[in-house]
N, C-alpha and C. Protein backbone atom coordinates (compact mmCIF):
# COMPACT_ATOMS: atom_id res chain seq x y z
N MET A 1 0.84 -1.18 0.00
CA MET A 1 0.00 0.00 0.00
C MET A 1 0.89 1.25 0.00
N SER A 2 0.60 2.19 -0.89
CA SER A 2 1.42 3.39 -0.97
C SER A 2 0.93 4.45 0.01
N LYS A 3 1.83 5.31 0.41
CA LYS A 3 1.50 6.38 1.34
C LYS A 3 1.53 7.70 0.60
N ILE A 4 0.72 8.65 1.07
CA ILE A 4 0.75 9.99 0.49
C ILE A 4 1.19 10.98 1.57
N LYS A 5 1.89 12.00 1.13
CA LYS A 5 2.32 13.04 2.06
C LYS A 5 1.29 14.14 2.05
N PHE A 6 0.97 14.67 3.21
CA PHE A 6 0.04 15.79 3.28
C PHE A 6 0.36 16.63 4.50
N GLU A 7 -0.19 17.83 4.50
CA GLU A 7 0.00 18.74 5.61
C GLU A 7 -1.38 19.27 6.01
N MET A 8 -1.63 19.37 7.29
CA MET A 8 -2.90 19.88 7.77
C MET A 8 -2.60 20.97 8.79
N LYS A 9 -3.31 22.12 8.64
CA LYS A 9 -3.09 23.20 9.60
C LYS A 9 -4.41 23.89 9.91
N LYS A 10 -4.46 24.47 11.07
CA LYS A 10 -5.65 25.19 11.51
C LYS A 10 -5.72 26.54 10.79
N VAL A 11 -6.95 26.92 10.37
CA VAL A 11 -7.17 28.21 9.73
C VAL A 11 -8.35 28.90 10.39
N GLU A 12 -8.42 30.21 10.27
CA GLU A 12 -9.51 30.99 10.85
C GLU A 12 -10.69 31.14 9.90
N LYS A 13 -10.41 31.23 8.58
CA LYS A 13 -11.50 31.33 7.61
C LYS A 13 -11.07 30.74 6.28
N LYS A 14 -12.06 30.42 5.46
CA LYS A 14 -11.80 29.84 4.15
C LYS A 14 -11.29 30.89 3.19
N ARG A 15 -10.57 30.46 2.19
CA ARG A 15 -10.13 31.36 1.13
C ARG A 15 -11.30 31.66 0.22
N GLU A 16 -11.30 32.85 -0.35
CA GLU A 16 -12.36 33.21 -1.27
C GLU A 16 -12.07 32.62 -2.65
N LYS A 17 -13.16 32.27 -3.34
CA LYS A 17 -13.01 31.75 -4.69
C LYS A 17 -12.57 32.87 -5.62
N LYS A 18 -11.63 32.59 -6.49
CA LYS A 18 -11.14 33.60 -7.41
C LYS A 18 -11.87 33.56 -8.74
N SER A 19 -12.32 32.41 -9.13
CA SER A 19 -13.00 32.32 -10.42
C SER A 19 -14.50 32.49 -10.23
N THR A 20 -15.11 33.16 -11.18
CA THR A 20 -16.56 33.32 -11.13
C THR A 20 -17.17 32.55 -12.28
N LYS A 21 -18.30 31.96 -12.01
CA LYS A 21 -18.98 31.21 -13.06
C LYS A 21 -19.74 32.18 -13.94
N ARG A 22 -19.69 31.95 -15.23
CA ARG A 22 -20.43 32.76 -16.18
C ARG A 22 -21.69 32.00 -16.56
N SER A 23 -22.72 32.73 -16.85
CA SER A 23 -23.99 32.16 -17.25
C SER A 23 -24.24 32.50 -18.72
N ILE A 24 -25.12 31.75 -19.36
CA ILE A 24 -25.49 32.07 -20.74
C ILE A 24 -26.28 33.36 -20.79
N PHE A 25 -26.74 33.84 -19.63
CA PHE A 25 -27.52 35.08 -19.57
C PHE A 25 -26.64 36.31 -19.34
N ASP A 26 -25.38 36.11 -18.96
CA ASP A 26 -24.49 37.24 -18.73
C ASP A 26 -24.27 38.11 -19.97
N PRO A 27 -24.15 37.54 -21.17
CA PRO A 27 -23.99 38.41 -22.35
C PRO A 27 -25.17 39.37 -22.55
N MET A 28 -26.38 38.95 -22.22
CA MET A 28 -27.55 39.84 -22.32
C MET A 28 -27.39 41.02 -21.36
N ILE A 29 -27.00 40.71 -20.14
CA ILE A 29 -26.82 41.74 -19.13
C ILE A 29 -25.68 42.68 -19.53
N ASP A 30 -24.57 42.10 -19.98
CA ASP A 30 -23.41 42.90 -20.38
C ASP A 30 -23.76 43.85 -21.53
N GLN A 31 -24.47 43.34 -22.52
CA GLN A 31 -24.85 44.17 -23.67
C GLN A 31 -25.78 45.30 -23.24
N PHE A 32 -26.68 45.02 -22.31
CA PHE A 32 -27.58 46.06 -21.79
C PHE A 32 -26.78 47.16 -21.09
N ILE A 33 -25.84 46.77 -20.27
CA ILE A 33 -25.02 47.74 -19.54
C ILE A 33 -24.20 48.59 -20.51
N GLU A 34 -23.57 47.93 -21.48
CA GLU A 34 -22.72 48.63 -22.44
C GLU A 34 -23.53 49.52 -23.39
N GLY A 35 -24.78 49.15 -23.65
CA GLY A 35 -25.60 49.89 -24.59
C GLY A 35 -26.03 51.26 -24.11
N GLY A 36 -26.11 51.44 -22.82
CA GLY A 36 -26.44 52.74 -22.27
C GLY A 36 -27.92 53.10 -22.31
N GLU A 37 -28.78 52.21 -22.75
CA GLU A 37 -30.22 52.47 -22.79
C GLU A 37 -30.81 52.32 -21.39
N GLU A 38 -31.91 53.01 -21.15
CA GLU A 38 -32.59 52.92 -19.86
C GLU A 38 -33.53 51.71 -19.79
N LEU A 39 -34.11 51.33 -20.94
CA LEU A 39 -35.09 50.25 -21.01
C LEU A 39 -34.94 49.51 -22.33
N VAL A 40 -34.86 48.18 -22.27
CA VAL A 40 -34.79 47.36 -23.48
C VAL A 40 -35.76 46.19 -23.38
N GLU A 41 -36.17 45.70 -24.53
CA GLU A 41 -37.06 44.54 -24.62
C GLU A 41 -36.26 43.39 -25.22
N ILE A 42 -36.40 42.22 -24.62
CA ILE A 42 -35.66 41.03 -25.06
C ILE A 42 -36.66 39.93 -25.38
N SER A 43 -36.44 39.27 -26.50
CA SER A 43 -37.21 38.06 -26.80
C SER A 43 -36.20 36.95 -27.07
N VAL A 44 -36.46 35.78 -26.53
CA VAL A 44 -35.55 34.64 -26.66
C VAL A 44 -36.32 33.48 -27.26
N GLU A 45 -35.77 32.91 -28.33
CA GLU A 45 -36.43 31.78 -28.99
C GLU A 45 -36.47 30.55 -28.08
N ASP A 46 -37.57 29.87 -28.10
CA ASP A 46 -37.76 28.59 -27.42
C ASP A 46 -37.62 28.64 -25.90
N LYS A 47 -37.76 29.81 -25.32
CA LYS A 47 -37.72 29.94 -23.86
C LYS A 47 -38.89 30.79 -23.41
N ARG A 48 -39.55 30.38 -22.33
CA ARG A 48 -40.65 31.16 -21.78
C ARG A 48 -40.09 32.42 -21.12
N ALA A 49 -40.84 33.49 -21.23
CA ALA A 49 -40.41 34.76 -20.65
C ALA A 49 -40.22 34.65 -19.15
N SER A 50 -41.08 33.90 -18.49
CA SER A 50 -40.97 33.76 -17.03
C SER A 50 -39.66 33.07 -16.64
N TYR A 51 -39.22 32.10 -17.45
CA TYR A 51 -37.95 31.42 -17.20
C TYR A 51 -36.78 32.38 -17.37
N ILE A 52 -36.81 33.16 -18.44
CA ILE A 52 -35.74 34.11 -18.71
C ILE A 52 -35.67 35.14 -17.57
N VAL A 53 -36.82 35.62 -17.12
CA VAL A 53 -36.86 36.60 -16.03
C VAL A 53 -36.23 36.02 -14.77
N SER A 54 -36.59 34.81 -14.42
CA SER A 54 -36.06 34.21 -13.18
C SER A 54 -34.55 34.02 -13.27
N GLN A 55 -34.05 33.60 -14.43
CA GLN A 55 -32.61 33.39 -14.59
C GLN A 55 -31.85 34.72 -14.59
N LEU A 56 -32.41 35.73 -15.25
CA LEU A 56 -31.76 37.05 -15.25
C LEU A 56 -31.74 37.64 -13.85
N LYS A 57 -32.82 37.47 -13.09
CA LYS A 57 -32.86 37.99 -11.72
C LYS A 57 -31.77 37.34 -10.86
N LYS A 58 -31.57 36.04 -11.05
CA LYS A 58 -30.52 35.35 -10.30
C LYS A 58 -29.15 35.94 -10.62
N ARG A 59 -28.87 36.10 -11.91
CA ARG A 59 -27.56 36.63 -12.32
C ARG A 59 -27.36 38.07 -11.86
N ILE A 60 -28.40 38.87 -11.96
CA ILE A 60 -28.32 40.27 -11.53
C ILE A 60 -28.09 40.33 -10.03
N GLY A 61 -28.73 39.44 -9.28
CA GLY A 61 -28.52 39.37 -7.83
C GLY A 61 -27.11 38.97 -7.47
N VAL A 62 -26.59 37.96 -8.16
CA VAL A 62 -25.22 37.50 -7.90
C VAL A 62 -24.22 38.60 -8.21
N ARG A 63 -24.46 39.32 -9.29
CA ARG A 63 -23.55 40.39 -9.71
C ARG A 63 -23.81 41.72 -9.00
N GLU A 64 -24.87 41.76 -8.18
CA GLU A 64 -25.23 42.93 -7.40
C GLU A 64 -25.37 44.18 -8.27
N LEU A 65 -26.17 44.06 -9.34
CA LEU A 65 -26.38 45.16 -10.27
C LEU A 65 -27.69 45.88 -9.96
N GLU A 66 -27.77 47.13 -10.39
CA GLU A 66 -28.97 47.95 -10.20
C GLU A 66 -29.84 47.89 -11.46
N ILE A 67 -30.41 46.71 -11.71
CA ILE A 67 -31.23 46.49 -12.90
C ILE A 67 -32.52 45.79 -12.49
N ASP A 68 -33.64 46.27 -13.02
CA ASP A 68 -34.94 45.61 -12.81
C ASP A 68 -35.23 44.72 -14.01
N VAL A 69 -35.87 43.57 -13.75
CA VAL A 69 -36.27 42.64 -14.80
C VAL A 69 -37.76 42.39 -14.66
N SER A 70 -38.48 42.43 -15.78
CA SER A 70 -39.91 42.12 -15.76
C SER A 70 -40.30 41.50 -17.09
N ASN A 71 -41.55 41.02 -17.17
CA ASN A 71 -42.03 40.46 -18.43
C ASN A 71 -43.50 40.80 -18.62
N ALA A 72 -43.89 40.85 -19.90
CA ALA A 72 -45.28 41.09 -20.27
C ALA A 72 -45.48 40.57 -21.69
N GLN A 73 -46.54 39.83 -21.90
CA GLN A 73 -46.93 39.30 -23.20
C GLN A 73 -45.79 38.57 -23.92
N GLY A 74 -45.01 37.79 -23.17
CA GLY A 74 -43.96 36.98 -23.77
C GLY A 74 -42.65 37.70 -24.03
N PHE A 75 -42.53 38.94 -23.60
CA PHE A 75 -41.30 39.70 -23.77
C PHE A 75 -40.69 40.00 -22.42
N VAL A 76 -39.39 40.10 -22.39
CA VAL A 76 -38.65 40.39 -21.16
C VAL A 76 -38.11 41.81 -21.26
N TYR A 77 -38.17 42.52 -20.16
CA TYR A 77 -37.69 43.90 -20.12
C TYR A 77 -36.58 44.05 -19.08
N LEU A 78 -35.51 44.73 -19.48
CA LEU A 78 -34.44 45.11 -18.56
C LEU A 78 -34.50 46.62 -18.44
N GLU A 79 -34.46 47.10 -17.20
CA GLU A 79 -34.56 48.53 -16.96
C GLU A 79 -33.59 48.94 -15.85
N LYS A 80 -32.87 50.02 -16.09
CA LYS A 80 -31.98 50.51 -15.06
C LYS A 80 -32.79 51.08 -13.92
N LYS A 81 -32.43 50.73 -12.71
CA LYS A 81 -33.13 51.24 -11.54
C LYS A 81 -32.79 52.72 -11.39
N THR A 82 -33.80 53.50 -11.11
CA THR A 82 -33.56 54.92 -10.89
C THR A 82 -33.47 55.18 -9.40
N ARG A 83 -32.53 55.98 -9.05
CA ARG A 83 -32.36 56.30 -7.64
C ARG A 83 -33.30 57.45 -7.30
N GLU A 84 -34.07 57.23 -6.26
CA GLU A 84 -35.01 58.27 -5.84
C GLU A 84 -34.28 59.29 -5.00
N PRO A 85 -34.55 60.58 -5.24
CA PRO A 85 -33.88 61.61 -4.44
C PRO A 85 -34.28 61.52 -2.98
N VAL A 86 -33.32 61.81 -2.13
CA VAL A 86 -33.54 61.70 -0.68
C VAL A 86 -34.07 63.00 -0.15
């Protein structure tokens, strides 16, 4: 039976992950941000609008962006959140 060498040490916290996972929905979000528009309409072939909305909301949440996502009549809308004056 072969032996393996290893080292074990006590740590206070875990290391942070350096790599981030990309989603197939990130290019939509990136293009919206780069485009500079306040409101855009998106239609995706072979996908229900409600599915697209839920996936975009997840990605926007993970990326902590100020973007609203909604849908109506089979279309998805991305809109920049407006900051209300204090």
